[in-house]
Amino acid sequence: MVAMSPEEFEHAVDDALELVPDELLDLMDNVVILIEDDSPEGEPELLGLYDGVSLTDRGADWGFGELPDRIFIYRNPTLSMCEDADEVRDEVAVTVVHEIAHHFGIDDDRLHALGWG
């Protein structure tokens, strides 16, 4: 397991967000990115999760009182699977892009085909 403080991991997430083009970030609507230490029970290898309604699935009546969509980035599973801090930063970048893509309605099959699986 890589030793990385919560602050260092947060910086890795911030750095990953800086890799996303501003034009895409500007299109994100009603979504928050959260860092959690652990993934949900029963999913120890899950590095990230998009919980919400993708932009492509929102109907005309969407947007009246809905809570924000949430993107979770899980710290401990990421640290456990990586060999060093550079690999953590790389994996965080892939995970952030992957979960943001779900917000835009891109499914896992397409992400894997594009190399973001």
N, C-alpha and C. Protein backbone atom coordinates (compact mmCIF):
# COMPACT_ATOMS: atom_id res chain seq x y z
N MET A 1 0.85 -1.19 0.00
CA MET A 1 0.00 0.00 0.00
C MET A 1 0.89 1.24 0.00
N VAL A 2 0.56 2.17 -0.84
CA VAL A 2 1.31 3.42 -0.93
C VAL A 2 0.93 4.31 0.25
N ALA A 3 1.92 4.91 0.88
CA ALA A 3 1.66 5.88 1.95
C ALA A 3 1.45 7.25 1.31
N MET A 4 0.25 7.78 1.48
CA MET A 4 -0.07 9.10 0.94
C MET A 4 -1.12 9.73 1.86
N SER A 5 -0.83 10.92 2.33
CA SER A 5 -1.76 11.58 3.25
C SER A 5 -3.06 11.94 2.52
N PRO A 6 -4.12 12.16 3.27
CA PRO A 6 -5.37 12.60 2.64
C PRO A 6 -5.18 13.88 1.82
N GLU A 7 -4.33 14.78 2.31
CA GLU A 7 -4.08 16.03 1.60
C GLU A 7 -3.36 15.78 0.27
N GLU A 8 -2.37 14.89 0.30
CA GLU A 8 -1.66 14.56 -0.94
C GLU A 8 -2.60 13.91 -1.95
N PHE A 9 -3.49 13.04 -1.46
CA PHE A 9 -4.45 12.38 -2.35
C PHE A 9 -5.42 13.41 -2.93
N GLU A 10 -5.84 14.35 -2.11
CA GLU A 10 -6.72 15.42 -2.60
C GLU A 10 -6.03 16.23 -3.70
N HIS A 11 -4.74 16.49 -3.53
CA HIS A 11 -3.98 17.20 -4.57
C HIS A 11 -3.94 16.38 -5.86
N ALA A 12 -3.84 15.05 -5.73
CA ALA A 12 -3.84 14.20 -6.92
C ALA A 12 -5.18 14.31 -7.65
N VAL A 13 -6.28 14.38 -6.89
CA VAL A 13 -7.60 14.56 -7.51
C VAL A 13 -7.69 15.93 -8.16
N ASP A 14 -7.21 16.96 -7.48
CA ASP A 14 -7.20 18.31 -8.06
C ASP A 14 -6.39 18.34 -9.36
N ASP A 15 -5.22 17.69 -9.34
CA ASP A 15 -4.39 17.64 -10.54
C ASP A 15 -5.11 16.92 -11.68
N ALA A 16 -5.83 15.86 -11.36
CA ALA A 16 -6.59 15.13 -12.37
C ALA A 16 -7.68 16.01 -12.97
N LEU A 17 -8.33 16.80 -12.14
CA LEU A 17 -9.37 17.69 -12.65
C LEU A 17 -8.80 18.76 -13.58
N GLU A 18 -7.56 19.16 -13.32
CA GLU A 18 -6.92 20.15 -14.20
C GLU A 18 -6.63 19.58 -15.58
N LEU A 19 -6.59 18.26 -15.71
CA LEU A 19 -6.37 17.62 -17.01
C LEU A 19 -7.63 17.61 -17.88
N VAL A 20 -8.78 17.80 -17.23
CA VAL A 20 -10.05 17.79 -17.97
C VAL A 20 -10.22 19.16 -18.62
N PRO A 21 -10.50 19.18 -19.91
CA PRO A 21 -10.67 20.48 -20.58
C PRO A 21 -11.75 21.34 -19.92
N ASP A 22 -11.47 22.63 -19.82
CA ASP A 22 -12.42 23.56 -19.20
C ASP A 22 -13.78 23.51 -19.86
N GLU A 23 -13.81 23.29 -21.17
CA GLU A 23 -15.08 23.23 -21.89
C GLU A 23 -15.97 22.10 -21.36
N LEU A 24 -15.35 20.98 -20.97
CA LEU A 24 -16.12 19.88 -20.40
C LEU A 24 -16.55 20.18 -18.97
N LEU A 25 -15.63 20.73 -18.20
CA LEU A 25 -15.97 21.07 -16.82
C LEU A 25 -17.12 22.08 -16.78
N ASP A 26 -17.13 23.01 -17.74
CA ASP A 26 -18.20 24.00 -17.79
C ASP A 26 -19.56 23.37 -18.11
N LEU A 27 -19.55 22.24 -18.80
CA LEU A 27 -20.80 21.55 -19.15
C LEU A 27 -21.35 20.68 -18.02
N MET A 28 -20.52 20.40 -17.04
CA MET A 28 -21.00 19.58 -15.92
C MET A 28 -22.06 20.37 -15.16
N ASP A 29 -23.14 19.67 -14.80
CA ASP A 29 -24.28 20.34 -14.20
C ASP A 29 -24.74 19.60 -12.96
N ASN A 30 -24.73 20.32 -11.84
CA ASN A 30 -25.27 19.79 -10.58
C ASN A 30 -24.55 18.51 -10.16
N VAL A 31 -23.24 18.58 -10.10
CA VAL A 31 -22.43 17.42 -9.70
C VAL A 31 -21.33 17.88 -8.75
N VAL A 32 -21.04 17.05 -7.77
CA VAL A 32 -19.99 17.33 -6.80
C VAL A 32 -19.03 16.14 -6.78
N ILE A 33 -17.75 16.43 -6.59
CA ILE A 33 -16.74 15.37 -6.51
C ILE A 33 -16.29 15.25 -5.06
N LEU A 34 -16.39 14.04 -4.54
CA LEU A 34 -16.10 13.76 -3.14
C LEU A 34 -15.01 12.70 -3.03
N ILE A 35 -14.15 12.84 -2.04
CA ILE A 35 -13.13 11.84 -1.76
C ILE A 35 -13.55 11.12 -0.49
N GLU A 36 -13.61 9.81 -0.57
CA GLU A 36 -13.94 8.97 0.57
C GLU A 36 -12.74 8.05 0.82
N ASP A 37 -12.53 7.68 2.07
CA ASP A 37 -11.44 6.76 2.37
C ASP A 37 -11.70 5.38 1.77
N ASP A 38 -12.90 4.86 1.97
CA ASP A 38 -13.18 3.48 1.58
C ASP A 38 -14.36 3.40 0.63
N SER A 39 -14.31 2.40 -0.24
CA SER A 39 -15.41 2.14 -1.16
C SER A 39 -16.55 1.47 -0.38
N PRO A 40 -17.73 1.38 -1.02
CA PRO A 40 -18.87 0.76 -0.33
C PRO A 40 -18.56 -0.68 0.08
N GLU A 41 -19.19 -1.11 1.14
CA GLU A 41 -19.01 -2.47 1.63
C GLU A 41 -19.30 -3.47 0.52
N GLY A 42 -18.43 -4.45 0.41
CA GLY A 42 -18.60 -5.46 -0.62
C GLY A 42 -17.96 -5.11 -1.95
N GLU A 43 -17.37 -3.93 -2.06
CA GLU A 43 -16.73 -3.49 -3.31
C GLU A 43 -15.32 -2.97 -3.01
N PRO A 44 -14.45 -3.82 -2.44
CA PRO A 44 -13.15 -3.34 -1.97
C PRO A 44 -12.21 -2.85 -3.07
N GLU A 45 -12.46 -3.23 -4.32
CA GLU A 45 -11.56 -2.83 -5.41
C GLU A 45 -12.12 -1.67 -6.22
N LEU A 46 -13.26 -1.13 -5.81
CA LEU A 46 -13.87 -0.01 -6.53
C LEU A 46 -13.08 1.27 -6.25
N LEU A 47 -12.62 1.93 -7.30
CA LEU A 47 -11.79 3.13 -7.15
C LEU A 47 -12.61 4.41 -7.25
N GLY A 48 -13.74 4.35 -7.92
CA GLY A 48 -14.58 5.53 -8.08
C GLY A 48 -16.00 5.10 -8.40
N LEU A 49 -16.92 6.06 -8.25
CA LEU A 49 -18.33 5.77 -8.50
C LEU A 49 -19.05 7.05 -8.89
N TYR A 50 -19.87 6.95 -9.93
CA TYR A 50 -20.76 8.05 -10.30
C TYR A 50 -22.14 7.69 -9.80
N ASP A 51 -22.73 8.54 -8.98
CA ASP A 51 -24.06 8.34 -8.44
C ASP A 51 -24.92 9.52 -8.84
N GLY A 52 -25.76 9.31 -9.85
CA GLY A 52 -26.60 10.40 -10.31
C GLY A 52 -27.32 10.05 -11.59
N VAL A 53 -27.84 11.07 -12.23
CA VAL A 53 -28.55 10.94 -13.50
C VAL A 53 -27.69 11.63 -14.55
N SER A 54 -27.20 10.84 -15.51
CA SER A 54 -26.32 11.41 -16.52
C SER A 54 -27.05 12.48 -17.32
N LEU A 55 -26.28 13.37 -17.90
CA LEU A 55 -26.86 14.46 -18.69
C LEU A 55 -27.73 13.93 -19.82
N THR A 56 -27.35 12.79 -20.39
CA THR A 56 -28.12 12.23 -21.50
C THR A 56 -29.44 11.59 -21.06
N ASP A 57 -29.58 11.32 -19.77
CA ASP A 57 -30.81 10.71 -19.25
C ASP A 57 -31.74 11.69 -18.55
N ARG A 58 -31.35 12.93 -18.48
CA ARG A 58 -32.19 13.92 -17.81
C ARG A 58 -33.31 14.39 -18.75
N GLY A 59 -34.53 14.33 -18.26
CA GLY A 59 -35.66 14.77 -19.05
C GLY A 59 -35.92 16.26 -18.86
N ALA A 60 -36.94 16.73 -19.55
CA ALA A 60 -37.30 18.15 -19.49
C ALA A 60 -37.72 18.58 -18.10
N ASP A 61 -38.23 17.64 -17.32
CA ASP A 61 -38.69 17.98 -15.97
C ASP A 61 -37.60 17.83 -14.91
N TRP A 62 -36.38 17.46 -15.34
CA TRP A 62 -35.28 17.30 -14.39
C TRP A 62 -34.77 18.67 -13.95
N GLY A 63 -34.40 18.78 -12.69
CA GLY A 63 -33.75 19.99 -12.23
C GLY A 63 -34.54 20.79 -11.23
N PHE A 64 -35.64 20.26 -10.79
CA PHE A 64 -36.46 20.98 -9.81
C PHE A 64 -36.32 20.31 -8.46
N GLY A 65 -35.27 20.66 -7.75
CA GLY A 65 -35.07 20.18 -6.39
C GLY A 65 -34.21 18.94 -6.25
N GLU A 66 -33.61 18.45 -7.32
CA GLU A 66 -32.76 17.28 -7.22
C GLU A 66 -31.47 17.62 -6.47
N LEU A 67 -31.03 16.65 -5.69
CA LEU A 67 -29.72 16.79 -5.05
C LEU A 67 -28.65 16.67 -6.12
N PRO A 68 -27.47 17.19 -5.86
CA PRO A 68 -26.39 17.07 -6.85
C PRO A 68 -26.02 15.61 -7.11
N ASP A 69 -25.64 15.32 -8.34
CA ASP A 69 -25.01 14.05 -8.64
C ASP A 69 -23.70 14.02 -7.87
N ARG A 70 -23.21 12.81 -7.60
CA ARG A 70 -21.97 12.69 -6.83
C ARG A 70 -20.99 11.79 -7.55
N ILE A 71 -19.77 12.25 -7.59
CA ILE A 71 -18.66 11.42 -8.05
C ILE A 71 -17.80 11.16 -6.83
N PHE A 72 -17.63 9.87 -6.51
CA PHE A 72 -16.80 9.46 -5.40
C PHE A 72 -15.47 8.94 -5.93
N ILE A 73 -14.39 9.37 -5.30
CA ILE A 73 -13.06 8.83 -5.56
C ILE A 73 -12.60 8.20 -4.25
N TYR A 74 -12.26 6.92 -4.30
CA TYR A 74 -11.96 6.17 -3.08
C TYR A 74 -10.45 6.05 -2.87
N ARG A 75 -10.01 6.60 -1.76
CA ARG A 75 -8.58 6.71 -1.46
C ARG A 75 -7.91 5.37 -1.15
N ASN A 76 -8.39 4.65 -0.16
CA ASN A 76 -7.70 3.44 0.27
C ASN A 76 -7.62 2.35 -0.80
N PRO A 77 -8.69 2.08 -1.55
CA PRO A 77 -8.54 1.09 -2.63
C PRO A 77 -7.50 1.51 -3.67
N THR A 78 -7.45 2.80 -3.97
CA THR A 78 -6.46 3.29 -4.93
C THR A 78 -5.05 3.12 -4.39
N LEU A 79 -4.84 3.50 -3.15
CA LEU A 79 -3.51 3.36 -2.53
C LEU A 79 -3.11 1.89 -2.44
N SER A 80 -4.08 1.01 -2.21
CA SER A 80 -3.79 -0.42 -2.06
C SER A 80 -3.36 -1.07 -3.37
N MET A 81 -3.88 -0.60 -4.49
CA MET A 81 -3.57 -1.27 -5.76
C MET A 81 -2.33 -0.72 -6.45
N CYS A 82 -1.82 0.41 -5.98
CA CYS A 82 -0.70 1.05 -6.67
C CYS A 82 0.63 0.75 -5.99
N GLU A 83 1.69 0.85 -6.80
CA GLU A 83 3.04 0.57 -6.32
C GLU A 83 3.77 1.80 -5.79
N ASP A 84 3.42 2.98 -6.31
CA ASP A 84 4.10 4.19 -5.87
C ASP A 84 3.20 5.41 -6.11
N ALA A 85 3.66 6.57 -5.66
CA ALA A 85 2.86 7.79 -5.75
C ALA A 85 2.56 8.19 -7.19
N ASP A 86 3.50 7.95 -8.10
CA ASP A 86 3.25 8.28 -9.51
C ASP A 86 2.11 7.43 -10.07
N GLU A 87 2.10 6.17 -9.71
CA GLU A 87 1.01 5.29 -10.17
C GLU A 87 -0.32 5.72 -9.56
N VAL A 88 -0.30 6.17 -8.30
CA VAL A 88 -1.52 6.69 -7.68
C VAL A 88 -2.05 7.87 -8.47
N ARG A 89 -1.19 8.81 -8.80
CA ARG A 89 -1.62 9.99 -9.56
C ARG A 89 -2.19 9.59 -10.92
N ASP A 90 -1.55 8.63 -11.58
CA ASP A 90 -2.05 8.16 -12.87
C ASP A 90 -3.42 7.49 -12.72
N GLU A 91 -3.55 6.65 -11.71
CA GLU A 91 -4.81 5.93 -11.51
C GLU A 91 -5.93 6.89 -11.10
N VAL A 92 -5.61 7.88 -10.30
CA VAL A 92 -6.60 8.89 -9.92
C VAL A 92 -7.06 9.64 -11.17
N ALA A 93 -6.15 9.99 -12.05
CA ALA A 93 -6.52 10.71 -13.27
C ALA A 93 -7.47 9.87 -14.12
N VAL A 94 -7.16 8.59 -14.29
CA VAL A 94 -8.04 7.71 -15.06
C VAL A 94 -9.41 7.60 -14.39
N THR A 95 -9.42 7.45 -13.08
CA THR A 95 -10.68 7.29 -12.35
C THR A 95 -11.53 8.56 -12.45
N VAL A 96 -10.92 9.71 -12.29
CA VAL A 96 -11.66 10.98 -12.38
C VAL A 96 -12.27 11.13 -13.77
N VAL A 97 -11.49 10.91 -14.81
CA VAL A 97 -12.00 11.02 -16.18
C VAL A 97 -13.12 10.01 -16.40
N HIS A 98 -12.93 8.79 -15.93
CA HIS A 98 -13.91 7.72 -16.08
C HIS A 98 -15.26 8.12 -15.46
N GLU A 99 -15.22 8.63 -14.24
CA GLU A 99 -16.48 8.98 -13.55
C GLU A 99 -17.12 10.23 -14.16
N ILE A 100 -16.33 11.18 -14.58
CA ILE A 100 -16.89 12.36 -15.27
C ILE A 100 -17.56 11.92 -16.57
N ALA A 101 -16.95 10.97 -17.26
CA ALA A 101 -17.55 10.46 -18.50
C ALA A 101 -18.93 9.87 -18.24
N HIS A 102 -19.11 9.19 -17.11
CA HIS A 102 -20.44 8.67 -16.76
C HIS A 102 -21.44 9.80 -16.61
N HIS A 103 -21.02 10.92 -16.08
CA HIS A 103 -21.91 12.09 -15.96
C HIS A 103 -22.41 12.53 -17.34
N PHE A 104 -21.57 12.35 -18.35
CA PHE A 104 -21.94 12.72 -19.72
C PHE A 104 -22.64 11.57 -20.46
N GLY A 105 -22.89 10.46 -19.77
CA GLY A 105 -23.64 9.37 -20.36
C GLY A 105 -22.82 8.33 -21.09
N ILE A 106 -21.53 8.33 -20.92
CA ILE A 106 -20.67 7.34 -21.56
C ILE A 106 -20.58 6.11 -20.66
N ASP A 107 -20.91 4.94 -21.21
CA ASP A 107 -20.96 3.72 -20.39
C ASP A 107 -19.58 3.05 -20.30
N ASP A 108 -19.49 2.04 -19.44
CA ASP A 108 -18.23 1.35 -19.19
C ASP A 108 -17.66 0.70 -20.45
N ASP A 109 -18.51 0.08 -21.26
CA ASP A 109 -18.00 -0.57 -22.47
C ASP A 109 -17.28 0.43 -23.37
N ARG A 110 -17.90 1.58 -23.57
CA ARG A 110 -17.29 2.60 -24.43
C ARG A 110 -16.00 3.14 -23.80
N LEU A 111 -16.01 3.35 -22.48
CA LEU A 111 -14.81 3.84 -21.80
C LEU A 111 -13.66 2.85 -21.92
N HIS A 112 -13.96 1.57 -21.78
CA HIS A 112 -12.91 0.56 -21.93
C HIS A 112 -12.37 0.57 -23.35
N ALA A 113 -13.25 0.70 -24.32
CA ALA A 113 -12.83 0.75 -25.72
C ALA A 113 -11.93 1.95 -26.00
N LEU A 114 -12.18 3.05 -25.27
CA LEU A 114 -11.38 4.26 -25.44
C LEU A 114 -10.11 4.26 -24.60
N GLY A 115 -9.93 3.22 -23.77
CA GLY A 115 -8.74 3.13 -22.92
C GLY A 115 -8.86 3.81 -21.58
N TRP A 116 -10.09 4.14 -21.17
CA TRP A 116 -10.31 4.79 -19.89
C TRP A 116 -11.03 3.87 -18.92
N GLY A 117 -10.82 2.58 -19.06
CA GLY A 117 -11.50 1.60 -18.22
C GLY A 117 -10.78 1.38 -16.97
